[in-house]
Amino acid sequence: MTRFRIRQAAQLLGVSDDTIRRWADSGRLPTTTDEAGRRAVEGADLARFAEQLASESPAPDQDGLGLSSARNRFTGLVTRVVRDTVMAQVEIQAGPFRVVSLMSREAADELGLEPGALAVASIKSTNVVVEVPDPS
């Protein structure tokens, strides 16, 4: 079974190590001890807790966006726009996530996409690649 140290669990949930410890101390997040005697969280417990956190949080404000079938929306800041004569590559930093979009230059120009602009990356995909990290 996969087990995560407190720091890893915090990074995966996007919170501080201290927040994980507080949740564990209050009994909200179950922990165990790893081989070195350090506090850890079982992967299945962390996954259940992440789902619980997501269900408790209200949907993020989509800044007046209408209804959409896309379920993955990342609000962030445009950090880079590279334009050529036909296409544009737009990079958005949404929290710890970097989202890169390729679009027509015309679309990027019409949206006024420049570094520092607020934007929402709306992602809908029927093809999602899942990878697991190298255990070494």
N, C-alpha and C. Protein backbone atom coordinates (compact mmCIF):
# COMPACT_ATOMS: atom_id res chain seq x y z
N MET A 1 0.84 -1.18 0.00
CA MET A 1 0.00 0.00 0.00
C MET A 1 0.88 1.24 0.00
N THR A 2 0.46 2.26 -0.73
CA THR A 2 1.19 3.52 -0.79
C THR A 2 0.98 4.30 0.50
N ARG A 3 2.05 4.87 0.98
CA ARG A 3 2.01 5.65 2.22
C ARG A 3 2.75 6.97 1.94
N PHE A 4 2.19 8.06 2.44
CA PHE A 4 2.78 9.38 2.22
C PHE A 4 3.19 10.01 3.53
N ARG A 5 4.37 10.60 3.54
CA ARG A 5 4.81 11.37 4.70
C ARG A 5 4.00 12.65 4.78
N ILE A 6 4.01 13.30 5.92
CA ILE A 6 3.22 14.50 6.14
C ILE A 6 3.49 15.56 5.07
N ARG A 7 4.75 15.80 4.76
CA ARG A 7 5.10 16.82 3.75
C ARG A 7 4.51 16.46 2.38
N GLN A 8 4.59 15.19 2.00
CA GLN A 8 4.04 14.77 0.71
C GLN A 8 2.53 14.94 0.69
N ALA A 9 1.86 14.55 1.77
CA ALA A 9 0.40 14.69 1.85
C ALA A 9 0.01 16.16 1.73
N ALA A 10 0.76 17.03 2.39
CA ALA A 10 0.49 18.47 2.34
C ALA A 10 0.62 18.98 0.91
N GLN A 11 1.68 18.58 0.23
CA GLN A 11 1.89 19.02 -1.15
C GLN A 11 0.75 18.53 -2.06
N LEU A 12 0.32 17.29 -1.87
CA LEU A 12 -0.75 16.75 -2.70
C LEU A 12 -2.08 17.46 -2.48
N LEU A 13 -2.33 17.92 -1.26
CA LEU A 13 -3.58 18.62 -0.96
C LEU A 13 -3.47 20.13 -1.10
N GLY A 14 -2.24 20.63 -1.32
CA GLY A 14 -2.06 22.06 -1.50
C GLY A 14 -2.21 22.85 -0.21
N VAL A 15 -1.80 22.24 0.90
CA VAL A 15 -1.86 22.91 2.21
C VAL A 15 -0.50 22.81 2.88
N SER A 16 -0.36 23.41 4.05
CA SER A 16 0.91 23.35 4.77
C SER A 16 1.04 22.05 5.57
N ASP A 17 2.27 21.73 5.92
CA ASP A 17 2.52 20.57 6.78
C ASP A 17 1.76 20.71 8.09
N ASP A 18 1.74 21.93 8.64
CA ASP A 18 1.04 22.17 9.90
C ASP A 18 -0.45 21.90 9.79
N THR A 19 -1.04 22.22 8.66
CA THR A 19 -2.47 21.95 8.47
C THR A 19 -2.73 20.45 8.51
N ILE A 20 -1.87 19.68 7.84
CA ILE A 20 -2.02 18.22 7.88
C ILE A 20 -1.90 17.72 9.32
N ARG A 21 -0.92 18.24 10.05
CA ARG A 21 -0.74 17.82 11.45
C ARG A 21 -1.96 18.17 12.30
N ARG A 22 -2.53 19.36 12.09
CA ARG A 22 -3.73 19.75 12.85
C ARG A 22 -4.90 18.82 12.53
N TRP A 23 -5.08 18.52 11.25
CA TRP A 23 -6.16 17.59 10.87
C TRP A 23 -5.93 16.22 11.50
N ALA A 24 -4.69 15.78 11.52
CA ALA A 24 -4.37 14.48 12.12
C ALA A 24 -4.57 14.51 13.63
N ASP A 25 -4.10 15.57 14.29
CA ASP A 25 -4.24 15.69 15.74
C ASP A 25 -5.70 15.73 16.17
N SER A 26 -6.55 16.32 15.33
CA SER A 26 -7.97 16.42 15.67
C SER A 26 -8.74 15.15 15.33
N GLY A 27 -8.05 14.20 14.67
CA GLY A 27 -8.71 12.95 14.28
C GLY A 27 -9.43 13.02 12.95
N ARG A 28 -9.33 14.16 12.29
CA ARG A 28 -10.02 14.33 11.00
C ARG A 28 -9.34 13.53 9.89
N LEU A 29 -8.02 13.40 9.96
CA LEU A 29 -7.24 12.66 8.96
C LEU A 29 -6.48 11.55 9.68
N PRO A 30 -6.80 10.29 9.37
CA PRO A 30 -6.10 9.20 10.05
C PRO A 30 -4.64 9.11 9.60
N THR A 31 -3.77 8.85 10.57
CA THR A 31 -2.35 8.68 10.26
C THR A 31 -1.86 7.37 10.84
N THR A 32 -0.70 6.99 10.39
CA THR A 32 -0.03 5.79 10.85
C THR A 32 1.44 6.15 11.05
N THR A 33 2.26 5.17 11.31
CA THR A 33 3.69 5.40 11.47
C THR A 33 4.44 4.60 10.41
N ASP A 34 5.42 5.24 9.77
CA ASP A 34 6.19 4.53 8.75
C ASP A 34 7.31 3.73 9.40
N GLU A 35 8.12 3.08 8.56
CA GLU A 35 9.19 2.21 9.05
C GLU A 35 10.21 2.95 9.92
N ALA A 36 10.35 4.24 9.69
CA ALA A 36 11.32 5.05 10.44
C ALA A 36 10.69 5.67 11.69
N GLY A 37 9.42 5.34 11.95
CA GLY A 37 8.74 5.86 13.12
C GLY A 37 8.15 7.25 12.92
N ARG A 38 8.11 7.73 11.67
CA ARG A 38 7.55 9.05 11.38
C ARG A 38 6.07 8.92 11.03
N ARG A 39 5.35 9.97 11.30
CA ARG A 39 3.93 10.01 11.00
C ARG A 39 3.71 9.98 9.48
N ALA A 40 2.73 9.21 9.05
CA ALA A 40 2.44 9.09 7.62
C ALA A 40 0.94 8.90 7.43
N VAL A 41 0.50 9.01 6.18
CA VAL A 41 -0.90 8.84 5.82
C VAL A 41 -0.99 7.77 4.74
N GLU A 42 -1.84 6.79 4.95
CA GLU A 42 -2.06 5.75 3.93
C GLU A 42 -2.68 6.40 2.70
N GLY A 43 -2.27 5.95 1.52
CA GLY A 43 -2.75 6.52 0.27
C GLY A 43 -4.26 6.49 0.14
N ALA A 44 -4.89 5.37 0.50
CA ALA A 44 -6.35 5.26 0.39
C ALA A 44 -7.05 6.25 1.32
N ASP A 45 -6.49 6.43 2.53
CA ASP A 45 -7.07 7.40 3.47
C ASP A 45 -6.94 8.82 2.93
N LEU A 46 -5.79 9.11 2.33
CA LEU A 46 -5.57 10.45 1.78
C LEU A 46 -6.52 10.71 0.61
N ALA A 47 -6.74 9.71 -0.22
CA ALA A 47 -7.65 9.86 -1.36
C ALA A 47 -9.07 10.14 -0.88
N ARG A 48 -9.53 9.38 0.11
CA ARG A 48 -10.87 9.61 0.67
C ARG A 48 -10.98 11.01 1.26
N PHE A 49 -9.94 11.42 1.98
CA PHE A 49 -9.94 12.73 2.60
C PHE A 49 -9.96 13.83 1.54
N ALA A 50 -9.20 13.66 0.46
CA ALA A 50 -9.18 14.65 -0.62
C ALA A 50 -10.57 14.80 -1.25
N GLU A 51 -11.25 13.68 -1.44
CA GLU A 51 -12.61 13.73 -1.99
C GLU A 51 -13.55 14.45 -1.03
N GLN A 52 -13.40 14.16 0.27
CA GLN A 52 -14.23 14.81 1.29
C GLN A 52 -13.99 16.32 1.28
N LEU A 53 -12.72 16.73 1.23
CA LEU A 53 -12.40 18.16 1.18
C LEU A 53 -13.04 18.82 -0.03
N ALA A 54 -12.94 18.17 -1.17
CA ALA A 54 -13.50 18.73 -2.41
C ALA A 54 -15.02 18.87 -2.30
N SER A 55 -15.68 17.91 -1.67
CA SER A 55 -17.14 17.98 -1.56
C SER A 55 -17.58 19.04 -0.56
N GLU A 56 -16.72 19.36 0.41
CA GLU A 56 -17.04 20.38 1.42
C GLU A 56 -16.85 21.78 0.89
N SER A 57 -15.97 21.93 -0.08
CA SER A 57 -15.65 23.25 -0.60
C SER A 57 -16.67 23.66 -1.65
N PRO A 58 -17.11 24.90 -1.61
CA PRO A 58 -18.00 25.37 -2.67
C PRO A 58 -17.25 25.39 -3.99
N ALA A 59 -17.99 25.29 -5.08
CA ALA A 59 -17.37 25.36 -6.40
C ALA A 59 -16.66 26.69 -6.53
N PRO A 60 -15.47 26.71 -7.14
CA PRO A 60 -14.75 27.97 -7.26
C PRO A 60 -15.54 28.97 -8.10
N ASP A 61 -15.42 30.23 -7.74
CA ASP A 61 -16.06 31.29 -8.49
C ASP A 61 -15.48 31.30 -9.90
N GLN A 62 -16.33 31.23 -10.87
CA GLN A 62 -15.85 31.17 -12.25
C GLN A 62 -15.91 32.54 -12.92
N ASP A 63 -15.95 33.58 -12.11
CA ASP A 63 -15.87 34.95 -12.62
C ASP A 63 -16.92 35.22 -13.70
N GLY A 64 -18.16 34.81 -13.43
CA GLY A 64 -19.24 35.13 -14.34
C GLY A 64 -19.34 34.22 -15.54
N LEU A 65 -18.62 33.12 -15.55
CA LEU A 65 -18.71 32.21 -16.69
C LEU A 65 -20.06 31.52 -16.69
N GLY A 66 -20.58 31.23 -17.85
CA GLY A 66 -21.85 30.53 -17.97
C GLY A 66 -21.69 29.04 -17.72
N LEU A 67 -22.74 28.31 -17.97
CA LEU A 67 -22.72 26.87 -17.79
C LEU A 67 -21.81 26.22 -18.82
N SER A 68 -21.21 25.10 -18.44
CA SER A 68 -20.30 24.39 -19.32
C SER A 68 -20.31 22.92 -18.95
N SER A 69 -20.05 22.07 -19.93
CA SER A 69 -19.93 20.64 -19.62
C SER A 69 -18.54 20.30 -19.10
N ALA A 70 -17.59 21.23 -19.23
CA ALA A 70 -16.24 20.99 -18.73
C ALA A 70 -16.27 21.03 -17.21
N ARG A 71 -15.64 20.06 -16.57
CA ARG A 71 -15.63 19.98 -15.11
C ARG A 71 -14.32 20.45 -14.51
N ASN A 72 -13.35 20.71 -15.33
CA ASN A 72 -12.02 21.08 -14.85
C ASN A 72 -11.72 22.50 -15.27
N ARG A 73 -11.85 23.42 -14.32
CA ARG A 73 -11.58 24.82 -14.59
C ARG A 73 -10.52 25.30 -13.62
N PHE A 74 -9.50 25.93 -14.16
CA PHE A 74 -8.38 26.43 -13.36
C PHE A 74 -8.26 27.92 -13.58
N THR A 75 -8.58 28.70 -12.56
CA THR A 75 -8.43 30.15 -12.64
C THR A 75 -7.01 30.50 -12.26
N GLY A 76 -6.38 31.33 -13.07
CA GLY A 76 -5.00 31.69 -12.78
C GLY A 76 -4.56 32.93 -13.54
N LEU A 77 -3.28 33.19 -13.45
CA LEU A 77 -2.69 34.34 -14.13
C LEU A 77 -1.94 33.89 -15.38
N VAL A 78 -2.13 34.62 -16.45
CA VAL A 78 -1.34 34.38 -17.65
C VAL A 78 0.09 34.79 -17.33
N THR A 79 1.03 33.88 -17.55
CA THR A 79 2.43 34.17 -17.25
C THR A 79 3.27 34.37 -18.50
N ARG A 80 2.79 33.84 -19.62
CA ARG A 80 3.59 33.93 -20.85
C ARG A 80 2.67 33.75 -22.05
N VAL A 81 2.92 34.53 -23.09
CA VAL A 81 2.20 34.38 -24.36
C VAL A 81 3.24 34.47 -25.46
N VAL A 82 3.34 33.42 -26.27
CA VAL A 82 4.26 33.41 -27.41
C VAL A 82 3.41 33.35 -28.66
N ARG A 83 3.51 34.39 -29.48
CA ARG A 83 2.71 34.47 -30.71
C ARG A 83 3.61 34.35 -31.94
N ASP A 84 3.09 33.67 -32.95
CA ASP A 84 3.71 33.75 -34.27
C ASP A 84 2.64 34.30 -35.20
N THR A 85 2.77 34.10 -36.49
CA THR A 85 1.81 34.70 -37.41
C THR A 85 0.44 34.02 -37.36
N VAL A 86 0.39 32.75 -36.95
CA VAL A 86 -0.87 32.00 -36.97
C VAL A 86 -1.31 31.53 -35.59
N MET A 87 -0.38 31.08 -34.76
CA MET A 87 -0.70 30.44 -33.48
C MET A 87 -0.16 31.23 -32.29
N ALA A 88 -0.70 30.89 -31.11
CA ALA A 88 -0.20 31.45 -29.86
C ALA A 88 -0.12 30.34 -28.83
N GLN A 89 0.92 30.39 -28.02
CA GLN A 89 1.07 29.48 -26.88
C GLN A 89 0.86 30.33 -25.64
N VAL A 90 -0.13 29.94 -24.83
CA VAL A 90 -0.48 30.71 -23.64
C VAL A 90 -0.23 29.85 -22.41
N GLU A 91 0.52 30.40 -21.45
CA GLU A 91 0.80 29.68 -20.21
C GLU A 91 0.06 30.38 -19.07
N ILE A 92 -0.62 29.57 -18.26
CA ILE A 92 -1.37 30.08 -17.11
C ILE A 92 -0.84 29.38 -15.86
N GLN A 93 -0.58 30.14 -14.82
CA GLN A 93 -0.20 29.58 -13.52
C GLN A 93 -1.44 29.63 -12.65
N ALA A 94 -1.99 28.46 -12.35
CA ALA A 94 -3.20 28.34 -11.54
C ALA A 94 -2.81 27.63 -10.24
N GLY A 95 -2.49 28.39 -9.22
CA GLY A 95 -1.98 27.79 -7.99
C GLY A 95 -0.67 27.10 -8.31
N PRO A 96 -0.53 25.84 -7.89
CA PRO A 96 0.72 25.14 -8.18
C PRO A 96 0.78 24.55 -9.59
N PHE A 97 -0.29 24.74 -10.37
CA PHE A 97 -0.38 24.10 -11.67
C PHE A 97 -0.09 25.05 -12.82
N ARG A 98 0.71 24.58 -13.76
CA ARG A 98 1.02 25.32 -14.98
C ARG A 98 0.20 24.69 -16.09
N VAL A 99 -0.64 25.49 -16.73
CA VAL A 99 -1.49 25.02 -17.82
C VAL A 99 -1.03 25.71 -19.09
N VAL A 100 -0.81 24.95 -20.14
CA VAL A 100 -0.36 25.51 -21.42
C VAL A 100 -1.43 25.24 -22.47
N SER A 101 -1.79 26.27 -23.19
CA SER A 101 -2.81 26.14 -24.24
C SER A 101 -2.25 26.64 -25.57
N LEU A 102 -2.56 25.93 -26.63
CA LEU A 102 -2.24 26.36 -27.99
C LEU A 102 -3.54 26.81 -28.64
N MET A 103 -3.54 28.00 -29.20
CA MET A 103 -4.74 28.54 -29.84
C MET A 103 -4.32 29.41 -31.00
N SER A 104 -5.30 29.86 -31.76
CA SER A 104 -4.97 30.77 -32.86
C SER A 104 -4.50 32.10 -32.29
N ARG A 105 -3.65 32.76 -33.02
CA ARG A 105 -3.19 34.09 -32.60
C ARG A 105 -4.39 35.02 -32.51
N GLU A 106 -5.30 34.87 -33.45
CA GLU A 106 -6.50 35.72 -33.47
C GLU A 106 -7.28 35.58 -32.16
N ALA A 107 -7.45 34.35 -31.67
CA ALA A 107 -8.17 34.13 -30.41
C ALA A 107 -7.44 34.77 -29.24
N ALA A 108 -6.13 34.60 -29.18
CA ALA A 108 -5.34 35.20 -28.09
C ALA A 108 -5.45 36.72 -28.12
N ASP A 109 -5.41 37.28 -29.32
CA ASP A 109 -5.52 38.73 -29.46
C ASP A 109 -6.91 39.21 -29.04
N GLU A 110 -7.96 38.52 -29.48
CA GLU A 110 -9.34 38.91 -29.14
C GLU A 110 -9.59 38.83 -27.63
N LEU A 111 -8.97 37.86 -26.95
CA LEU A 111 -9.14 37.71 -25.51
C LEU A 111 -8.23 38.65 -24.71
N GLY A 112 -7.32 39.32 -25.40
CA GLY A 112 -6.41 40.25 -24.72
C GLY A 112 -5.45 39.54 -23.78
N LEU A 113 -5.01 38.35 -24.17
CA LEU A 113 -4.14 37.55 -23.30
C LEU A 113 -2.72 38.09 -23.31
N GLU A 114 -2.30 38.56 -22.15
CA GLU A 114 -0.96 39.09 -21.92
C GLU A 114 -0.54 38.67 -20.52
N PRO A 115 0.77 38.61 -20.25
CA PRO A 115 1.20 38.29 -18.88
C PRO A 115 0.55 39.23 -17.87
N GLY A 116 0.02 38.62 -16.80
CA GLY A 116 -0.66 39.37 -15.76
C GLY A 116 -2.16 39.37 -15.87
N ALA A 117 -2.69 38.93 -17.01
CA ALA A 117 -4.15 38.89 -17.19
C ALA A 117 -4.72 37.70 -16.43
N LEU A 118 -5.92 37.88 -15.88
CA LEU A 118 -6.64 36.79 -15.23
C LEU A 118 -7.32 35.97 -16.31
N ALA A 119 -7.22 34.65 -16.22
CA ALA A 119 -7.83 33.78 -17.22
C ALA A 119 -8.28 32.48 -16.55
N VAL A 120 -9.20 31.79 -17.21
CA VAL A 120 -9.68 30.50 -16.74
C VAL A 120 -9.38 29.47 -17.82
N ALA A 121 -8.62 28.44 -17.45
CA ALA A 121 -8.37 27.33 -18.36
C ALA A 121 -9.49 26.32 -18.12
N SER A 122 -10.30 26.09 -19.12
CA SER A 122 -11.41 25.15 -19.02
C SER A 122 -11.03 23.92 -19.83
N ILE A 123 -10.95 22.79 -19.15
CA ILE A 123 -10.41 21.59 -19.77
C ILE A 123 -11.45 20.49 -19.82
N LYS A 124 -11.68 19.97 -21.01
CA LYS A 124 -12.57 18.82 -21.18
C LYS A 124 -11.85 17.86 -22.11
N SER A 125 -11.68 16.67 -21.64
CA SER A 125 -10.92 15.72 -22.44
C SER A 125 -11.49 14.33 -22.30
N THR A 126 -11.56 13.65 -23.40
CA THR A 126 -11.95 12.24 -23.36
C THR A 126 -10.71 11.36 -23.37
N ASN A 127 -9.54 11.97 -23.47
CA ASN A 127 -8.29 11.24 -23.47
C ASN A 127 -7.38 11.81 -22.40
N VAL A 128 -7.25 11.11 -21.29
CA VAL A 128 -6.42 11.57 -20.19
C VAL A 128 -5.32 10.54 -19.97
N VAL A 129 -4.09 10.98 -19.98
CA VAL A 129 -2.95 10.10 -19.75
C VAL A 129 -2.69 10.04 -18.25
N VAL A 130 -2.60 8.84 -17.70
CA VAL A 130 -2.30 8.65 -16.29
C VAL A 130 -0.95 8.00 -16.18
N GLU A 131 -0.07 8.58 -15.36
CA GLU A 131 1.27 8.05 -15.16
C GLU A 131 1.51 7.83 -13.68
N VAL A 132 2.41 6.98 -13.34
CA VAL A 132 2.82 6.81 -11.95
C VAL A 132 4.31 7.14 -11.88
N PRO A 133 4.72 7.76 -10.77
CA PRO A 133 6.13 8.13 -10.66
C PRO A 133 7.02 6.91 -10.53
N ASP A 134 8.26 7.07 -10.95
CA ASP A 134 9.28 6.03 -10.79
C ASP A 134 9.54 5.84 -9.30
N PRO A 135 9.45 4.62 -8.78
CA PRO A 135 9.58 4.41 -7.35
C PRO A 135 10.97 4.66 -6.80
N SER A 136 11.96 4.85 -7.65
CA SER A 136 13.33 5.03 -7.13
C SER A 136 13.58 6.41 -6.62
